[in-house]
Amino acid sequence: MTEYDYWKIFPRMPKKVTLGDITVRDGFQHLEKFISTRAKIFYAEEMIFAGCKNIEVTNLGNPYLMPQFSDAEQVLAHLRSDRFRERCAKKGARIGC
């Protein structure tokens, strides 16, 4: 079966999809052990370099109620920094904040 046969069976199937990732936000929020800021940044960077277009990286809620997000400003600051944008440009990754 070729890829074109799928459109015969499922004519309303989209020809293009956009994948997103919420692991850094939803995947880490219920863990009891705090995930380091550097680990969150590393995971988000790797997802960006892999080509993921939509990534939810943090929550700006009350850090007392959600301790995993107590470093939200640091994670966002790094991903919005000029240094990181230059790294993305070198690797051919497009980012937008």
Foldseek 3Di string as FASTA:
>chain_A
DDPVVVCVVVVPDDPDDADEEECQAVVQQPDPDADDLVVLLVVVLVCQLVPHAHYDHYDPDDCVVGVNRPCVVVSVCVCPDPVVVVVCVVSVGDHDD
